[in-house]
Amino acid sequence: MSQFTPHETARQLSNGLLSFPVTHFRDDLSFDEPAYRENIAWLSGFGATGLFAAGGTGEFFSLTPDEVSAVVTAAAAEAPDSVPVIAPAGYGTATAVELARSAERAGADGLLLLPPYLTEASQDGLVEHVKAVCAATSLGVIIYSRANAIYTDETVARLADACPNLVGFKDGVGDIERMTRIHTRLGDRLTYIGGLPTAETFALPYLEMGVTTYSSAMYNFVPEFAQRFFDAVRAHDRATVDHYLAEFVLPYCDIRNHKAGYAVSIVKAGMKAIGRPAGPVRAPLTDLDDDELKQLDELISRIPKEHT
């Protein structure tokens, strides 16, 4: 059973930067649990306030349900007691319900509900989908608005009324008006998480809209820089944020934009570049080529220090 209530989980997540660790694979693409556990212990030393196991950066979409459970169990065992572990749920409603129940057994403290698989859905359908998952667990649930599950403010309000354990909204759309409407309507009923790739690019303007935290993929391989960037955002230090964007984040995005799916692949490449390899990505993703890896390695070597 989680040591956090749903709303305690949400408050903890809102207090700092969020870690979305990669999932380690061996060369044969099997889950490398010892390497994953060691990496969770390492990442835990850099101050993230929430750990999202087997999320998008963790290749949830390529894991079997049993593998998801194994990843979440490992993360829950290695993460500090003060850091809530958030497990994924997704695919169709029945599978999402099973994953939610499995997450509780694995020791998770909350759920990130990703969009349903493949099919489009009406707002009424999304309401029933989220309600079923929330009813299946005592954990706090965060809905991820993106792709084929883009929630309106009316829908989020209906869900907040119907589901006491709905505690968070993660935005992966970037629709300023939609985000403004949701925050204006719901206020502090929910914790708001930035979930656009790469989240640092949008962090400062989103903070002004009430999105107090975000999922940092680059925290995997440059955690100290990621924390400095987050601190500058929270301090409304635009000069430092702009400096870090120009010197690292935007050039990083340029490499990421070379191919579809590189938002995940580039993170594993970053792990390789710093000498902490996490193995290859699974299909349908592809790894960076040697030239792209060299570009990333050179960029990391020039990472900005403290900005004054």
Protein backbone atom coordinates (compact mmCIF):
# COMPACT_ATOMS: atom_id res chain seq x y z
CA MET A 1 0.00 0.00 0.00
CA SER A 2 1.25 3.47 -0.86
CA GLN A 3 2.46 5.64 2.00
CA PHE A 4 0.94 8.63 0.19
CA THR A 5 -2.71 9.53 -0.17
CA PRO A 6 -3.66 10.54 -3.72
CA HIS A 7 -3.56 14.23 -2.89
CA GLU A 8 -0.29 13.88 -0.98
CA THR A 9 1.17 12.29 -4.10
CA ALA A 10 -0.04 15.19 -6.21
CA ARG A 11 1.39 17.79 -3.83
CA GLN A 12 4.73 16.02 -3.74
CA LEU A 13 4.91 15.93 -7.53
CA SER A 14 4.14 19.64 -7.79
CA ASN A 15 7.07 20.56 -5.55
CA GLY A 16 9.91 19.86 -7.96
CA LEU A 17 11.24 18.31 -11.13
CA LEU A 18 9.91 14.94 -12.31
CA SER A 19 12.10 12.05 -13.45
CA PHE A 20 11.02 9.80 -16.32
CA PRO A 21 13.76 7.15 -16.42
CA VAL A 22 14.49 5.03 -19.46
CA THR A 23 13.97 1.28 -19.27
CA HIS A 24 17.22 -0.65 -19.59
CA PHE A 25 17.42 -3.40 -22.18
CA ARG A 26 20.10 -5.96 -22.91
CA ASP A 27 21.38 -6.43 -26.45
CA ASP A 28 18.72 -9.12 -26.95
CA LEU A 29 16.10 -6.50 -25.92
CA SER A 30 15.18 -8.25 -22.66
CA PHE A 31 14.65 -6.08 -19.56
CA ASP A 32 17.94 -5.57 -17.72
CA GLU A 33 16.62 -5.29 -14.18
CA PRO A 34 19.96 -5.05 -12.33
CA ALA A 35 21.10 -2.17 -14.55
CA TYR A 36 17.71 -0.47 -14.20
CA ARG A 37 17.79 -0.73 -10.41
CA GLU A 38 21.31 0.66 -10.25
CA ASN A 39 20.28 3.58 -12.42
CA ILE A 40 17.22 4.39 -10.31
CA ALA A 41 19.46 4.51 -7.25
CA TRP A 42 21.86 6.84 -9.10
CA LEU A 43 19.12 9.17 -10.35
CA SER A 44 17.65 9.37 -6.86
CA GLY A 45 20.64 11.42 -5.74
CA PHE A 46 19.75 14.49 -7.81
CA GLY A 47 16.57 15.71 -6.15
CA ALA A 48 13.64 14.81 -8.40
CA THR A 49 10.34 14.82 -6.50
CA GLY A 50 8.60 12.11 -8.51
CA LEU A 51 9.65 9.06 -10.52
CA PHE A 52 7.52 7.87 -13.43
CA ALA A 53 8.44 4.26 -14.14
CA ALA A 54 7.85 2.75 -17.59
CA GLY A 55 6.35 5.97 -18.91
CA GLY A 56 6.71 7.27 -22.45
CA THR A 57 10.46 7.77 -22.06
CA GLY A 58 10.55 4.33 -20.44
CA GLU A 59 9.06 2.78 -23.61
CA PHE A 60 5.72 1.77 -22.07
CA PHE A 61 4.39 1.19 -25.57
CA SER A 62 6.92 -1.60 -26.20
CA LEU A 63 6.60 -3.41 -22.86
CA THR A 64 4.35 -6.36 -22.06
CA PRO A 65 2.06 -6.01 -19.01
CA ASP A 66 4.34 -8.38 -17.08
CA GLU A 67 7.36 -6.26 -17.99
CA VAL A 68 5.56 -3.10 -16.88
CA SER A 69 4.93 -4.73 -13.51
CA ALA A 70 8.58 -5.78 -13.25
CA VAL A 71 9.81 -2.26 -14.06
CA VAL A 72 7.45 -0.63 -11.57
CA THR A 73 8.37 -3.15 -8.86
CA ALA A 74 12.05 -2.44 -9.38
CA ALA A 75 11.52 1.32 -9.31
CA ALA A 76 9.45 1.13 -6.13
CA ALA A 77 12.15 -0.95 -4.45
CA GLU A 78 14.98 1.46 -5.32
CA ALA A 79 13.37 4.92 -5.10
CA PRO A 80 13.67 6.85 -1.81
CA ASP A 81 10.64 6.62 0.45
CA SER A 82 10.07 10.35 0.03
CA VAL A 83 9.73 10.09 -3.77
CA PRO A 84 6.42 8.76 -5.11
CA VAL A 85 6.66 6.21 -7.90
CA ILE A 86 4.09 6.65 -10.65
CA ALA A 87 3.18 3.65 -12.79
CA PRO A 88 1.66 3.70 -16.28
CA ALA A 89 -1.73 2.50 -17.42
CA GLY A 90 -3.00 2.55 -20.96
CA TYR A 91 -4.30 0.68 -24.00
CA GLY A 92 -7.99 -0.28 -23.88
CA THR A 93 -10.06 0.24 -20.76
CA ALA A 94 -9.94 -3.39 -19.61
CA THR A 95 -6.14 -3.51 -19.96
CA ALA A 96 -5.75 -0.13 -18.29
CA VAL A 97 -7.81 -1.37 -15.34
CA GLU A 98 -5.59 -4.47 -15.06
CA LEU A 99 -2.46 -2.31 -15.20
CA ALA A 100 -3.87 -0.04 -12.48
CA ARG A 101 -4.47 -2.98 -10.18
CA SER A 102 -1.05 -4.42 -10.98
CA ALA A 103 0.55 -1.07 -10.14
CA GLU A 104 -0.84 -1.18 -6.61
CA ARG A 105 0.50 -4.69 -6.10
CA ALA A 106 3.89 -3.55 -7.43
CA GLY A 107 4.15 -0.79 -4.83
CA ALA A 108 3.38 2.27 -6.97
CA ASP A 109 2.13 5.50 -5.40
CA GLY A 110 0.14 6.79 -8.37
CA LEU A 111 -0.86 6.24 -11.98
CA LEU A 112 -0.26 8.06 -15.23
CA LEU A 113 -3.13 7.17 -17.56
CA LEU A 114 -1.92 7.31 -21.13
CA PRO A 115 -4.23 7.57 -24.16
CA PRO A 116 -6.20 4.50 -25.25
CA TYR A 117 -4.63 2.40 -27.97
CA LEU A 118 -5.39 3.12 -31.64
CA THR A 119 -9.02 4.15 -31.59
CA GLU A 120 -10.48 7.63 -31.47
CA ALA A 121 -12.92 8.40 -28.68
CA SER A 122 -15.60 10.96 -27.88
CA GLN A 123 -15.40 13.04 -24.73
CA ASP A 124 -18.13 10.87 -23.22
CA GLY A 125 -16.08 7.79 -24.04
CA LEU A 126 -12.99 9.29 -22.42
CA VAL A 127 -15.03 10.03 -19.30
CA GLU A 128 -16.10 6.40 -19.01
CA HIS A 129 -12.53 5.23 -19.67
CA VAL A 130 -11.04 7.40 -16.92
CA LYS A 131 -13.84 6.65 -14.47
CA ALA A 132 -13.29 2.91 -14.88
CA VAL A 133 -9.57 3.23 -14.16
CA CYS A 134 -10.06 5.54 -11.19
CA ALA A 135 -12.66 3.17 -9.72
CA ALA A 136 -10.24 0.25 -10.03
CA THR A 137 -7.56 1.75 -7.77
CA SER A 138 -7.05 3.69 -4.58
CA LEU A 139 -4.00 5.39 -6.10
CA GLY A 140 -3.99 8.95 -7.33
CA VAL A 141 -4.51 9.13 -11.09
CA ILE A 142 -3.02 11.64 -13.54
CA ILE A 143 -4.58 11.84 -17.00
CA TYR A 144 -2.28 12.49 -19.96
CA SER A 145 -3.92 14.68 -22.58
CA ARG A 146 -2.39 13.98 -25.99
CA ALA A 147 -2.88 12.13 -29.29
CA ASN A 148 -6.34 10.53 -29.33
CA ALA A 149 -7.20 11.49 -25.74
CA ILE A 150 -7.38 15.29 -25.72
CA TYR A 151 -9.62 16.42 -22.89
CA THR A 152 -11.75 19.57 -22.86
CA ASP A 153 -12.13 21.67 -19.74
CA GLU A 154 -15.75 20.46 -19.41
CA THR A 155 -14.59 16.83 -19.49
CA VAL A 156 -11.83 17.39 -16.94
CA ALA A 157 -14.34 19.12 -14.65
CA ARG A 158 -16.79 16.20 -14.98
CA LEU A 159 -14.01 13.77 -14.13
CA ALA A 160 -12.78 15.80 -11.16
CA ASP A 161 -16.31 15.76 -9.74
CA ALA A 162 -16.80 12.05 -10.36
CA CYS A 163 -13.36 10.75 -9.36
CA PRO A 164 -11.96 11.86 -5.99
CA ASN A 165 -8.64 10.14 -6.76
CA LEU A 166 -8.14 12.03 -10.02
CA VAL A 167 -5.34 14.34 -8.88
CA GLY A 168 -3.38 15.45 -11.92
CA PHE A 169 -3.49 16.63 -15.52
CA LYS A 170 -0.50 16.24 -17.81
CA ASP A 171 -0.55 18.26 -21.00
CA GLY A 172 1.03 16.89 -24.16
CA VAL A 173 -0.87 19.08 -26.61
CA GLY A 174 0.38 22.64 -26.24
CA ASP A 175 -2.98 24.30 -26.84
CA ILE A 176 -2.64 27.50 -24.80
CA GLU A 177 -6.34 28.33 -24.75
CA ARG A 178 -7.32 24.78 -23.76
CA MET A 179 -4.75 24.73 -20.96
CA THR A 180 -5.89 28.15 -19.75
CA ARG A 181 -9.52 27.03 -19.70
CA ILE A 182 -8.68 23.87 -17.74
CA HIS A 183 -6.60 25.68 -15.14
CA THR A 184 -9.10 28.52 -14.79
CA ARG A 185 -11.94 26.07 -14.32
CA LEU A 186 -10.23 23.56 -12.01
CA GLY A 187 -7.74 25.77 -10.14
CA ASP A 188 -5.85 23.92 -7.43
CA ARG A 189 -8.14 20.88 -7.60
CA LEU A 190 -5.42 19.25 -9.75
CA THR A 191 -1.67 19.27 -10.11
CA TYR A 192 -0.64 20.31 -13.63
CA ILE A 193 2.34 18.72 -15.39
CA GLY A 194 4.01 19.82 -18.59
CA GLY A 195 4.38 16.86 -20.92
CA LEU A 196 5.40 18.26 -24.28
CA PRO A 197 8.66 17.05 -25.81
CA THR A 198 11.06 18.55 -24.89
CA ALA A 199 9.31 19.95 -21.80
CA GLU A 200 12.08 22.41 -20.94
CA THR A 201 11.28 24.35 -24.11
CA PHE A 202 7.83 25.23 -22.76
CA ALA A 203 8.55 25.29 -19.03
CA LEU A 204 8.72 29.03 -18.36
CA PRO A 205 5.58 30.11 -20.24
CA TYR A 206 3.71 27.12 -18.85
CA LEU A 207 4.66 28.10 -15.30
CA GLU A 208 2.76 31.34 -15.84
CA MET A 209 -0.31 29.23 -16.66
CA GLY A 210 -0.19 27.24 -13.43
CA VAL A 211 1.79 24.27 -14.75
CA THR A 212 4.23 24.06 -11.86
CA THR A 213 6.28 21.06 -12.93
CA TYR A 214 7.15 18.98 -15.94
CA SER A 215 8.55 15.65 -17.09
CA SER A 216 12.24 15.98 -17.82
CA ALA A 217 13.62 13.33 -20.16
CA MET A 218 17.07 14.92 -20.20
CA TYR A 219 17.22 14.43 -16.41
CA ASN A 220 18.24 10.87 -17.34
CA PHE A 221 21.68 11.88 -18.56
CA VAL A 222 22.29 15.48 -17.44
CA PRO A 223 20.44 15.55 -14.09
CA GLU A 224 22.42 18.42 -12.57
CA PHE A 225 21.79 20.62 -15.61
CA ALA A 226 18.13 19.62 -15.64
CA GLN A 227 17.80 20.68 -12.01
CA ARG A 228 19.56 24.00 -12.66
CA PHE A 229 17.21 24.64 -15.55
CA PHE A 230 14.19 23.83 -13.37
CA ASP A 231 15.44 26.10 -10.59
CA ALA A 232 15.82 28.96 -13.08
CA VAL A 233 12.27 28.38 -14.31
CA ARG A 234 10.86 28.37 -10.79
CA ALA A 235 12.79 31.58 -10.03
CA HIS A 236 11.37 33.23 -13.19
CA ASP A 237 14.98 33.82 -14.20
CA ARG A 238 14.39 34.41 -17.90
CA ALA A 239 18.00 35.35 -18.67
CA THR A 240 19.29 32.02 -17.39
CA VAL A 241 16.48 30.05 -19.01
CA ASP A 242 17.16 31.73 -22.36
CA HIS A 243 20.89 31.06 -22.00
CA TYR A 244 20.32 27.37 -21.29
CA LEU A 245 17.80 27.10 -24.13
CA ALA A 246 20.20 28.64 -26.63
CA GLU A 247 23.29 26.75 -25.52
CA PHE A 248 21.86 23.28 -24.96
CA VAL A 249 18.11 22.65 -25.07
CA LEU A 250 17.33 23.94 -28.56
CA PRO A 251 20.41 22.35 -30.20
CA TYR A 252 19.38 19.14 -28.44
CA CYS A 253 15.89 19.49 -29.95
CA ASP A 254 17.45 19.95 -33.38
CA ILE A 255 19.02 16.48 -33.09
CA ARG A 256 15.82 15.04 -31.63
CA ASN A 257 13.86 16.31 -34.63
CA HIS A 258 15.91 14.31 -37.15
CA LYS A 259 13.50 11.35 -37.00
CA ALA A 260 10.12 10.41 -35.58
CA GLY A 261 10.54 8.68 -32.22
CA TYR A 262 13.85 10.31 -31.41
CA ALA A 263 12.33 12.00 -28.34
CA VAL A 264 12.98 8.66 -26.64
CA SER A 265 15.96 7.45 -28.68
CA ILE A 266 17.99 10.58 -27.97
CA VAL A 267 17.65 9.99 -24.24
CA LYS A 268 19.15 6.52 -24.47
CA ALA A 269 21.85 8.01 -26.69
CA GLY A 270 22.54 10.55 -23.96
CA MET A 271 22.93 7.73 -21.45
CA LYS A 272 25.47 6.10 -23.74
CA ALA A 273 27.31 9.40 -24.19
CA ILE A 274 27.86 9.86 -20.43
CA GLY A 275 29.06 6.29 -19.96
CA ARG A 276 25.86 4.93 -18.43
CA PRO A 277 24.42 2.93 -21.36
CA ALA A 278 20.84 1.68 -21.08
CA GLY A 279 20.88 -0.55 -24.15
CA PRO A 280 19.06 -0.10 -27.43
CA VAL A 281 15.52 1.10 -27.98
CA ARG A 282 12.94 -1.46 -29.06
CA ALA A 283 11.21 -1.36 -32.42
CA PRO A 284 9.37 0.51 -33.78
CA LEU A 285 11.86 3.09 -32.46
CA THR A 286 15.35 3.33 -33.90
CA ASP A 287 18.61 4.35 -32.28
CA LEU A 288 20.60 7.43 -33.28
CA ASP A 289 23.24 6.79 -35.91
CA ASP A 290 26.94 7.28 -35.23
CA ASP A 291 27.01 10.83 -36.59
CA GLU A 292 24.02 11.89 -34.52
CA LEU A 293 25.52 10.28 -31.43
CA LYS A 294 28.74 12.22 -32.03
CA GLN A 295 26.76 15.48 -32.32
CA LEU A 296 25.00 14.75 -29.04
CA ASP A 297 28.25 13.78 -27.31
CA GLU A 298 29.85 17.07 -28.37
CA LEU A 299 26.80 19.04 -27.22
CA ILE A 300 26.87 17.38 -23.79
CA SER A 301 30.59 18.14 -23.48
CA ARG A 302 29.79 21.86 -23.89
CA ILE A 303 26.87 21.90 -21.47
CA PRO A 304 26.46 25.32 -19.84
CA LYS A 305 27.68 25.78 -16.30
CA GLU A 306 26.10 28.12 -13.78
CA HIS A 307 24.90 31.25 -15.58
CA THR A 308 25.74 34.60 -14.03
